[in-house]
Amino acid sequence: MRLQTVHTRRRERISSDEEERRRSGFEIETSFRFATHGDRAGRIDATAVVAGELVTDLAYGDAATIRLANVGRRRRKDNNDRGFWLDPSRDGG
């Protein structure tokens, strides 16, 4: 599906951090949130039906926030152990 009215915004800094983290064995999870427009919802939901059978669910939003989260090493012992431990009582030094 070709989108004709897509606009992008330049990032504040250009970096290859995500690519480097993936290359060095980290799992990066992508998530998004559709923007809201006051009282109007930020997305429109629809379904595609062919011959009375559901083919797919669709969601369209004209704006969204995309987040990339580093959830840990890909080859960790327990795949349910996601994220990193933080110690707010230490300054890291």
PDB file of N, CA and C in Angstrom:
ATOM      1  N   MET A   1       0.851  -1.167   0.000  1.00  0.00           N
ATOM      2  CA  MET A   1       0.000   0.000   0.000  1.00  0.00           C
ATOM      3  C   MET A   1       0.899   1.233   0.000  1.00  0.00           C
ATOM      4  N   ARG A   2       0.759   2.063  -0.961  1.00  0.00           N
ATOM      5  CA  ARG A   2       1.559   3.279  -1.053  1.00  0.00           C
ATOM      6  C   ARG A   2       0.833   4.413  -0.347  1.00  0.00           C
ATOM      7  N   LEU A   3       1.520   5.098   0.551  1.00  0.00           N
ATOM      8  CA  LEU A   3       0.947   6.225   1.274  1.00  0.00           C
ATOM      9  C   LEU A   3       1.446   7.516   0.636  1.00  0.00           C
ATOM     10  N   GLN A   4       0.550   8.316   0.140  1.00  0.00           N
ATOM     11  CA  GLN A   4       0.923   9.530  -0.578  1.00  0.00           C
ATOM     12  C   GLN A   4       1.105  10.729   0.347  1.00  0.00           C
ATOM     13  N   THR A   5       0.478  10.724   1.500  1.00  0.00           N
ATOM     14  CA  THR A   5       0.477  11.917   2.352  1.00  0.00           C
ATOM     15  C   THR A   5       1.253  11.696   3.641  1.00  0.00           C
ATOM     16  N   VAL A   6       2.359  11.020   3.583  1.00  0.00           N
ATOM     17  CA  VAL A   6       3.153  10.742   4.773  1.00  0.00           C
ATOM     18  C   VAL A   6       4.197  11.834   4.939  1.00  0.00           C
ATOM     19  N   HIS A   7       4.299  12.334   6.152  1.00  0.00           N
ATOM     20  CA  HIS A   7       5.302  13.352   6.462  1.00  0.00           C
ATOM     21  C   HIS A   7       6.184  12.828   7.582  1.00  0.00           C
ATOM     22  N   THR A   8       7.440  13.173   7.553  1.00  0.00           N
ATOM     23  CA  THR A   8       8.359  12.773   8.615  1.00  0.00           C
ATOM     24  C   THR A   8       8.982  14.017   9.218  1.00  0.00           C
ATOM     25  N   ARG A   9       9.578  13.841  10.364  1.00  0.00           N
ATOM     26  CA  ARG A   9      10.260  14.929  11.029  1.00  0.00           C
ATOM     27  C   ARG A   9      11.669  14.462  11.362  1.00  0.00           C
ATOM     28  N   ARG A  10      12.634  15.305  11.119  1.00  0.00           N
ATOM     29  CA  ARG A  10      14.028  14.973  11.382  1.00  0.00           C
ATOM     30  C   ARG A  10      14.250  14.771  12.877  1.00  0.00           C
ATOM     31  N   ARG A  11      15.023  13.759  13.219  1.00  0.00           N
ATOM     32  CA  ARG A  11      15.374  13.520  14.619  1.00  0.00           C
ATOM     33  C   ARG A  11      16.311  14.602  15.090  1.00  0.00           C
ATOM     34  N   GLU A  12      16.321  14.818  16.375  1.00  0.00           N
ATOM     35  CA  GLU A  12      17.175  15.864  16.916  1.00  0.00           C
ATOM     36  C   GLU A  12      18.654  15.519  16.734  1.00  0.00           C
ATOM     37  N   ARG A  13      18.971  14.253  16.825  1.00  0.00           N
ATOM     38  CA  ARG A  13      20.349  13.808  16.590  1.00  0.00           C
ATOM     39  C   ARG A  13      20.308  12.616  15.664  1.00  0.00           C
ATOM     40  N   ILE A  14      21.208  12.578  14.754  1.00  0.00           N
ATOM     41  CA  ILE A  14      21.312  11.424  13.873  1.00  0.00           C
ATOM     42  C   ILE A  14      22.283  10.444  14.525  1.00  0.00           C
ATOM     43  N   SER A  15      21.840   9.202  14.742  1.00  0.00           N
ATOM     44  CA  SER A  15      22.724   8.211  15.340  1.00  0.00           C
ATOM     45  C   SER A  15      22.365   6.838  14.796  1.00  0.00           C
ATOM     46  N   SER A  16      23.257   5.926  14.998  1.00  0.00           N
ATOM     47  CA  SER A  16      23.003   4.547  14.584  1.00  0.00           C
ATOM     48  C   SER A  16      22.938   3.651  15.817  1.00  0.00           C
ATOM     49  N   ASP A  17      22.520   4.221  16.951  1.00  0.00           N
ATOM     50  CA  ASP A  17      22.477   3.464  18.208  1.00  0.00           C
ATOM     51  C   ASP A  17      21.643   2.197  18.108  1.00  0.00           C
ATOM     52  N   GLU A  18      20.447   2.308  17.505  1.00  0.00           N
ATOM     53  CA  GLU A  18      19.576   1.135  17.421  1.00  0.00           C
ATOM     54  C   GLU A  18      20.229   0.033  16.594  1.00  0.00           C
ATOM     55  N   GLU A  19      20.821   0.404  15.464  1.00  0.00           N
ATOM     56  CA  GLU A  19      21.498  -0.598  14.627  1.00  0.00           C
ATOM     57  C   GLU A  19      22.663  -1.228  15.366  1.00  0.00           C
ATOM     58  N   GLU A  20      23.436  -0.435  16.073  1.00  0.00           N
ATOM     59  CA  GLU A  20      24.586  -0.958  16.827  1.00  0.00           C
ATOM     60  C   GLU A  20      24.134  -1.887  17.944  1.00  0.00           C
ATOM     61  N   ARG A  21      23.063  -1.530  18.623  1.00  0.00           N
ATOM     62  CA  ARG A  21      22.568  -2.388  19.704  1.00  0.00           C
ATOM     63  C   ARG A  21      22.064  -3.719  19.154  1.00  0.00           C
ATOM     64  N   ARG A  22      21.339  -3.674  18.045  1.00  0.00           N
ATOM     65  CA  ARG A  22      20.876  -4.930  17.437  1.00  0.00           C
ATOM     66  C   ARG A  22      22.056  -5.778  16.998  1.00  0.00           C
ATOM     67  N   ARG A  23      23.036  -5.157  16.381  1.00  0.00           N
ATOM     68  CA  ARG A  23      24.204  -5.887  15.890  1.00  0.00           C
ATOM     69  C   ARG A  23      24.986  -6.519  17.039  1.00  0.00           C
ATOM     70  N   SER A  24      25.000  -5.844  18.199  1.00  0.00           N
ATOM     71  CA  SER A  24      25.760  -6.392  19.320  1.00  0.00           C
ATOM     72  C   SER A  24      24.934  -7.325  20.205  1.00  0.00           C
ATOM     73  N   GLY A  25      23.730  -7.713  19.745  1.00  0.00           N
ATOM     74  CA  GLY A  25      22.995  -8.776  20.421  1.00  0.00           C
ATOM     75  C   GLY A  25      21.868  -8.348  21.328  1.00  0.00           C
ATOM     76  N   PHE A  26      21.417  -7.108  21.240  1.00  0.00           N
ATOM     77  CA  PHE A  26      20.308  -6.663  22.079  1.00  0.00           C
ATOM     78  C   PHE A  26      18.997  -6.762  21.321  1.00  0.00           C
ATOM     79  N   GLU A  27      17.915  -6.992  22.061  1.00  0.00           N
ATOM     80  CA  GLU A  27      16.576  -7.055  21.487  1.00  0.00           C
ATOM     81  C   GLU A  27      15.934  -5.674  21.614  1.00  0.00           C
ATOM     82  N   ILE A  28      15.552  -5.087  20.503  1.00  0.00           N
ATOM     83  CA  ILE A  28      14.924  -3.776  20.481  1.00  0.00           C
ATOM     84  C   ILE A  28      13.441  -3.971  20.159  1.00  0.00           C
ATOM     85  N   GLU A  29      12.575  -3.444  20.999  1.00  0.00           N
ATOM     86  CA  GLU A  29      11.129  -3.565  20.811  1.00  0.00           C
ATOM     87  C   GLU A  29      10.572  -2.219  20.346  1.00  0.00           C
ATOM     88  N   THR A  30       9.786  -2.251  19.292  1.00  0.00           N
ATOM     89  CA  THR A  30       9.176  -1.042  18.750  1.00  0.00           C
ATOM     90  C   THR A  30       7.714  -0.984  19.183  1.00  0.00           C
ATOM     91  N   SER A  31       7.288   0.171  19.673  1.00  0.00           N
ATOM     92  CA  SER A  31       5.889   0.370  20.030  1.00  0.00           C
ATOM     93  C   SER A  31       5.434   1.722  19.499  1.00  0.00           C
ATOM     94  N   PHE A  32       4.135   1.920  19.439  1.00  0.00           N
ATOM     95  CA  PHE A  32       3.623   3.192  18.941  1.00  0.00           C
ATOM     96  C   PHE A  32       2.345   3.557  19.667  1.00  0.00           C
ATOM     97  N   ARG A  33       2.037   4.839  19.641  1.00  0.00           N
ATOM     98  CA  ARG A  33       0.792   5.357  20.210  1.00  0.00           C
ATOM     99  C   ARG A  33       0.243   6.386  19.234  1.00  0.00           C
ATOM    100  N   PHE A  34      -1.007   6.186  18.823  1.00  0.00           N
ATOM    101  CA  PHE A  34      -1.638   7.147  17.931  1.00  0.00           C
ATOM    102  C   PHE A  34      -1.883   8.450  18.683  1.00  0.00           C
ATOM    103  N   ALA A  35      -1.676   9.571  18.015  1.00  0.00           N
ATOM    104  CA  ALA A  35      -1.914  10.878  18.615  1.00  0.00           C
ATOM    105  C   ALA A  35      -3.414  11.140  18.690  1.00  0.00           C
ATOM    106  N   THR A  36      -3.844  11.854  19.727  1.00  0.00           N
ATOM    107  CA  THR A  36      -5.248  12.251  19.824  1.00  0.00           C
ATOM    108  C   THR A  36      -5.373  13.699  19.374  1.00  0.00           C
ATOM    109  N   HIS A  37      -6.544  14.066  18.933  1.00  0.00           N
ATOM    110  CA  HIS A  37      -6.792  15.414  18.425  1.00  0.00           C
ATOM    111  C   HIS A  37      -7.941  16.031  19.206  1.00  0.00           C
ATOM    112  N   GLY A  38      -7.702  16.347  20.469  1.00  0.00           N
ATOM    113  CA  GLY A  38      -8.759  16.892  21.315  1.00  0.00           C
ATOM    114  C   GLY A  38      -9.814  15.843  21.593  1.00  0.00           C
ATOM    115  N   ASP A  39     -11.040  16.131  21.218  1.00  0.00           N
ATOM    116  CA  ASP A  39     -12.146  15.198  21.430  1.00  0.00           C
ATOM    117  C   ASP A  39     -12.191  14.105  20.374  1.00  0.00           C
ATOM    118  N   ARG A  40     -11.495  14.318  19.274  1.00  0.00           N
ATOM    119  CA  ARG A  40     -11.516  13.365  18.163  1.00  0.00           C
ATOM    120  C   ARG A  40     -10.480  12.265  18.403  1.00  0.00           C
ATOM    121  N   ALA A  41     -10.865  11.041  18.142  1.00  0.00           N
ATOM    122  CA  ALA A  41      -9.936   9.906  18.315  1.00  0.00           C
ATOM    123  C   ALA A  41      -8.781  10.017  17.331  1.00  0.00           C
ATOM    124  N   GLY A  42      -7.648   9.460  17.699  1.00  0.00           N
ATOM    125  CA  GLY A  42      -6.458   9.539  16.862  1.00  0.00           C
ATOM    126  C   GLY A  42      -6.337   8.422  15.839  1.00  0.00           C
ATOM    127  N   ARG A  43      -7.304   7.517  15.827  1.00  0.00           N
ATOM    128  CA  ARG A  43      -7.224   6.434  14.853  1.00  0.00           C
ATOM    129  C   ARG A  43      -8.617   5.999  14.435  1.00  0.00           C
ATOM    130  N   ILE A  44      -8.666   5.353  13.294  1.00  0.00           N
ATOM    131  CA  ILE A  44      -9.899   4.796  12.765  1.00  0.00           C
ATOM    132  C   ILE A  44      -9.668   3.303  12.570  1.00  0.00           C
ATOM    133  N   ASP A  45     -10.550   2.472  13.100  1.00  0.00           N
ATOM    134  CA  ASP A  45     -10.439   1.025  12.968  1.00  0.00           C
ATOM    135  C   ASP A  45     -11.411   0.526  11.904  1.00  0.00           C
ATOM    136  N   ALA A  46     -11.006  -0.502  11.185  1.00  0.00           N
ATOM    137  CA  ALA A  46     -11.857  -1.110  10.156  1.00  0.00           C
ATOM    138  C   ALA A  46     -11.479  -2.577  10.024  1.00  0.00           C
ATOM    139  N   THR A  47     -12.316  -3.314   9.316  1.00  0.00           N
ATOM    140  CA  THR A  47     -12.015  -4.715   9.019  1.00  0.00           C
ATOM    141  C   THR A  47     -12.176  -4.932   7.524  1.00  0.00           C
ATOM    142  N   ALA A  48     -11.423  -5.880   6.999  1.00  0.00           N
ATOM    143  CA  ALA A  48     -11.545  -6.267   5.589  1.00  0.00           C
ATOM    144  C   ALA A  48     -12.183  -7.647   5.546  1.00  0.00           C
ATOM    145  N   VAL A  49     -13.283  -7.743   4.814  1.00  0.00           N
ATOM    146  CA  VAL A  49     -14.042  -8.991   4.711  1.00  0.00           C
ATOM    147  C   VAL A  49     -14.149  -9.374   3.245  1.00  0.00           C
ATOM    148  N   VAL A  50     -13.825 -10.623   2.937  1.00  0.00           N
ATOM    149  CA  VAL A  50     -13.951 -11.147   1.581  1.00  0.00           C
ATOM    150  C   VAL A  50     -14.845 -12.374   1.640  1.00  0.00           C
ATOM    151  N   ALA A  51     -15.888 -12.364   0.844  1.00  0.00           N
ATOM    152  CA  ALA A  51     -16.838 -13.480   0.778  1.00  0.00           C
ATOM    153  C   ALA A  51     -17.361 -13.851   2.169  1.00  0.00           C
ATOM    154  N   GLY A  52     -17.633 -12.827   2.976  1.00  0.00           N
ATOM    155  CA  GLY A  52     -18.180 -13.057   4.305  1.00  0.00           C
ATOM    156  C   GLY A  52     -17.176 -13.536   5.335  1.00  0.00           C
ATOM    157  N   GLU A  53     -15.893 -13.608   4.968  1.00  0.00           N
ATOM    158  CA  GLU A  53     -14.859 -14.092   5.896  1.00  0.00           C
ATOM    159  C   GLU A  53     -13.873 -12.975   6.210  1.00  0.00           C
ATOM    160  N   LEU A  54     -13.574 -12.781   7.499  1.00  0.00           N
ATOM    161  CA  LEU A  54     -12.646 -11.747   7.937  1.00  0.00           C
ATOM    162  C   LEU A  54     -11.247 -12.038   7.405  1.00  0.00           C
ATOM    163  N   VAL A  55     -10.658 -11.058   6.723  1.00  0.00           N
ATOM    164  CA  VAL A  55      -9.315 -11.220   6.175  1.00  0.00           C
ATOM    165  C   VAL A  55      -8.281 -10.554   7.083  1.00  0.00           C
ATOM    166  N   THR A  56      -8.585  -9.326   7.542  1.00  0.00           N
ATOM    167  CA  THR A  56      -7.645  -8.632   8.409  1.00  0.00           C
ATOM    168  C   THR A  56      -8.335  -7.496   9.146  1.00  0.00           C
ATOM    169  N   ASP A  57      -7.723  -7.062  10.239  1.00  0.00           N
ATOM    170  CA  ASP A  57      -8.146  -5.867  10.956  1.00  0.00           C
ATOM    171  C   ASP A  57      -7.217  -4.738  10.547  1.00  0.00           C
ATOM    172  N   LEU A  58      -7.743  -3.539  10.422  1.00  0.00           N
ATOM    173  CA  LEU A  58      -6.960  -2.388   9.995  1.00  0.00           C
ATOM    174  C   LEU A  58      -7.086  -1.268  11.017  1.00  0.00           C
ATOM    175  N   ALA A  59      -6.031  -0.477  11.171  1.00  0.00           N
ATOM    176  CA  ALA A  59      -6.055   0.719  12.004  1.00  0.00           C
ATOM    177  C   ALA A  59      -5.301   1.803  11.255  1.00  0.00           C
ATOM    178  N   TYR A  60      -5.925   2.978  11.126  1.00  0.00           N
ATOM    179  CA  TYR A  60      -5.294   4.112  10.453  1.00  0.00           C
ATOM    180  C   TYR A  60      -5.227   5.280  11.420  1.00  0.00           C
ATOM    181  N   GLY A  61      -4.070   5.908  11.487  1.00  0.00           N
ATOM    182  CA  GLY A  61      -3.908   7.126  12.275  1.00  0.00           C
ATOM    183  C   GLY A  61      -3.071   8.099  11.491  1.00  0.00           C
ATOM    184  N   ASP A  62      -3.431   9.385  11.545  1.00  0.00           N
ATOM    185  CA  ASP A  62      -2.680  10.355  10.765  1.00  0.00           C
ATOM    186  C   ASP A  62      -1.430  10.856  11.478  1.00  0.00           C
ATOM    187  N   ALA A  63      -1.261  10.494  12.755  1.00  0.00           N
ATOM    188  CA  ALA A  63      -0.052  10.867  13.489  1.00  0.00           C
ATOM    189  C   ALA A  63       0.161   9.856  14.615  1.00  0.00           C
ATOM    190  N   ALA A  64       1.429   9.584  14.916  1.00  0.00           N
ATOM    191  CA  ALA A  64       1.742   8.628  15.977  1.00  0.00           C
ATOM    192  C   ALA A  64       3.123   8.917  16.554  1.00  0.00           C
ATOM    193  N   THR A  65       3.328   8.480  17.782  1.00  0.00           N
ATOM    194  CA  THR A  65       4.639   8.533  18.420  1.00  0.00           C
ATOM    195  C   THR A  65       5.205   7.123  18.394  1.00  0.00           C
ATOM    196  N   ILE A  66       6.436   6.986  17.907  1.00  0.00           N
ATOM    197  CA  ILE A  66       7.081   5.671  17.828  1.00  0.00           C
ATOM    198  C   ILE A  66       8.194   5.627  18.871  1.00  0.00           C
ATOM    199  N   ARG A  67       8.243   4.529  19.629  1.00  0.00           N
ATOM    200  CA  ARG A  67       9.268   4.366  20.665  1.00  0.00           C
ATOM    201  C   ARG A  67      10.048   3.087  20.413  1.00  0.00           C
ATOM    202  N   LEU A  68      11.349   3.162  20.646  1.00  0.00           N
ATOM    203  CA  LEU A  68      12.218   1.990  20.580  1.00  0.00           C
ATOM    204  C   LEU A  68      12.750   1.737  21.977  1.00  0.00           C
ATOM    205  N   ALA A  69      12.579   0.518  22.475  1.00  0.00           N
ATOM    206  CA  ALA A  69      13.022   0.170  23.823  1.00  0.00           C
ATOM    207  C   ALA A  69      13.978  -1.009  23.762  1.00  0.00           C
ATOM    208  N   ASN A  70      15.114  -0.874  24.426  1.00  0.00           N
ATOM    209  CA  ASN A  70      16.081  -1.957  24.552  1.00  0.00           C
ATOM    210  C   ASN A  70      15.627  -2.820  25.717  1.00  0.00           C
ATOM    211  N   VAL A  71      15.178  -4.057  25.454  1.00  0.00           N
ATOM    212  CA  VAL A  71      14.629  -4.909  26.509  1.00  0.00           C
ATOM    213  C   VAL A  71      15.612  -5.965  27.004  1.00  0.00           C
ATOM    214  N   GLY A  72      16.842  -5.931  26.529  1.00  0.00           N
ATOM    215  CA  GLY A  72      17.857  -6.855  27.028  1.00  0.00           C
ATOM    216  C   GLY A  72      18.543  -7.631  25.927  1.00  0.00           C
ATOM    217  N   ARG A  73      19.422  -8.505  26.336  1.00  0.00           N
ATOM    218  CA  ARG A  73      20.160  -9.341  25.374  1.00  0.00           C
ATOM    219  C   ARG A  73      19.231 -10.362  24.736  1.00  0.00           C
ATOM    220  N   ARG A  74      19.432 -10.617  23.456  1.00  0.00           N
ATOM    221  CA  ARG A  74      18.616 -11.619  22.758  1.00  0.00           C
ATOM    222  C   ARG A  74      18.839 -13.009  23.317  1.00  0.00           C
ATOM    223  N   ARG A  75      20.051 -13.308  23.729  1.00  0.00           N
ATOM    224  CA  ARG A  75      20.386 -14.665  24.201  1.00  0.00           C
ATOM    225  C   ARG A  75      20.408 -14.765  25.723  1.00  0.00           C
ATOM    226  N   ARG A  76      19.504 -14.052  26.394  1.00  0.00           N
ATOM    227  CA  ARG A  76      19.458 -14.121  27.853  1.00  0.00           C
ATOM    228  C   ARG A  76      18.883 -15.481  28.280  1.00  0.00           C
ATOM    229  N   LYS A  77      19.228 -15.910  29.481  1.00  0.00           N
ATOM    230  CA  LYS A  77      18.808 -17.232  29.961  1.00  0.00           C
ATOM    231  C   LYS A  77      17.291 -17.356  30.031  1.00  0.00           C
ATOM    232  N   ASP A  78      16.628 -16.320  30.558  1.00  0.00           N
ATOM    233  CA  ASP A  78      15.171 -16.347  30.726  1.00  0.00           C
ATOM    234  C   ASP A  78      14.564 -15.258  29.840  1.00  0.00           C
ATOM    235  N   ASN A  79      13.849 -15.651  28.781  1.00  0.00           N
ATOM    236  CA  ASN A  79      13.260 -14.677  27.863  1.00  0.00           C
ATOM    237  C   ASN A  79      12.214 -13.795  28.533  1.00  0.00           C
ATOM    238  N   ASN A  80      11.674 -14.224  29.664  1.00  0.00           N
ATOM    239  CA  ASN A  80      10.695 -13.408  30.385  1.00  0.00           C
ATOM    240  C   ASN A  80      11.356 -12.345  31.252  1.00  0.00           C
ATOM    241  N   ASP A  81      12.668 -12.435  31.438  1.00  0.00           N
ATOM    242  CA  ASP A  81      13.422 -11.454  32.226  1.00  0.00           C
ATOM    243  C   ASP A  81      13.800 -10.304  31.291  1.00  0.00           C
ATOM    244  N   ARG A  82      12.912  -9.323  31.199  1.00  0.00           N
ATOM    245  CA  ARG A  82      13.085  -8.235  30.245  1.00  0.00           C
ATOM    246  C   ARG A  82      13.525  -6.967  30.960  1.00  0.00           C
ATOM    247  N   GLY A  83      14.359  -6.179  30.298  1.00  0.00           N
ATOM    248  CA  GLY A  83      14.781  -4.894  30.837  1.00  0.00           C
ATOM    249  C   GLY A  83      16.095  -4.998  31.591  1.00  0.00           C
ATOM    250  N   PHE A  84      16.377  -3.965  32.379  1.00  0.00           N
ATOM    251  CA  PHE A  84      17.634  -3.863  33.105  1.00  0.00           C
ATOM    252  C   PHE A  84      17.341  -3.406  34.524  1.00  0.00           C
ATOM    253  N   TRP A  85      18.183  -3.844  35.457  1.00  0.00           N
ATOM    254  CA  TRP A  85      18.063  -3.419  36.836  1.00  0.00           C
ATOM    255  C   TRP A  85      18.696  -2.047  36.979  1.00  0.00           C
ATOM    256  N   LEU A  86      18.017  -1.154  37.670  1.00  0.00           N
ATOM    257  CA  LEU A  86      18.533   0.183  37.955  1.00  0.00           C
ATOM    258  C   LEU A  86      18.681   0.334  39.454  1.00  0.00           C
ATOM    259  N   ASP A  87      19.779   0.964  39.886  1.00  0.00           N
ATOM    260  CA  ASP A  87      20.002   1.241  41.305  1.00  0.00           C
ATOM    261  C   ASP A  87      20.018   2.749  41.480  1.00  0.00           C
ATOM    262  N   PRO A  88      18.889   3.360  41.857  1.00  0.00           N
ATOM    263  CA  PRO A  88      18.841   4.815  41.960  1.00  0.00           C
ATOM    264  C   PRO A  88      19.647   5.377  43.128  1.00  0.00           C
ATOM    265  N   SER A  89      20.112   4.507  44.034  1.00  0.00           N
ATOM    266  CA  SER A  89      20.884   4.990  45.176  1.00  0.00           C
ATOM    267  C   SER A  89      22.363   5.185  44.831  1.00  0.00           C
ATOM    268  N   ARG A  90      22.799   4.728  43.673  1.00  0.00           N
ATOM    269  CA  ARG A  90      24.199   4.879  43.261  1.00  0.00           C
ATOM    270  C   ARG A  90      24.251   5.792  42.051  1.00  0.00           C
ATOM    271  N   ASP A  91      25.323   6.537  41.957  1.00  0.00           N
ATOM    272  CA  ASP A  91      25.461   7.477  40.846  1.00  0.00           C
ATOM    273  C   ASP A  91      26.208   6.860  39.654  1.00  0.00           C
ATOM    274  N   GLY A  92      26.548   5.608  39.723  1.00  0.00           N
ATOM    275  CA  GLY A  92      27.228   4.931  38.632  1.00  0.00           C
ATOM    276  C   GLY A  92      28.730   5.166  38.607  1.00  0.00           C
ATOM    277  N   GLY A  93      29.240   5.881  39.558  1.00  0.00           N
ATOM    278  CA  GLY A  93      30.661   6.207  39.527  1.00  0.00           C
ATOM    279  C   GLY A  93      31.511   5.427  40.435  1.00  0.00           C
TER     280      GLY A  93
END
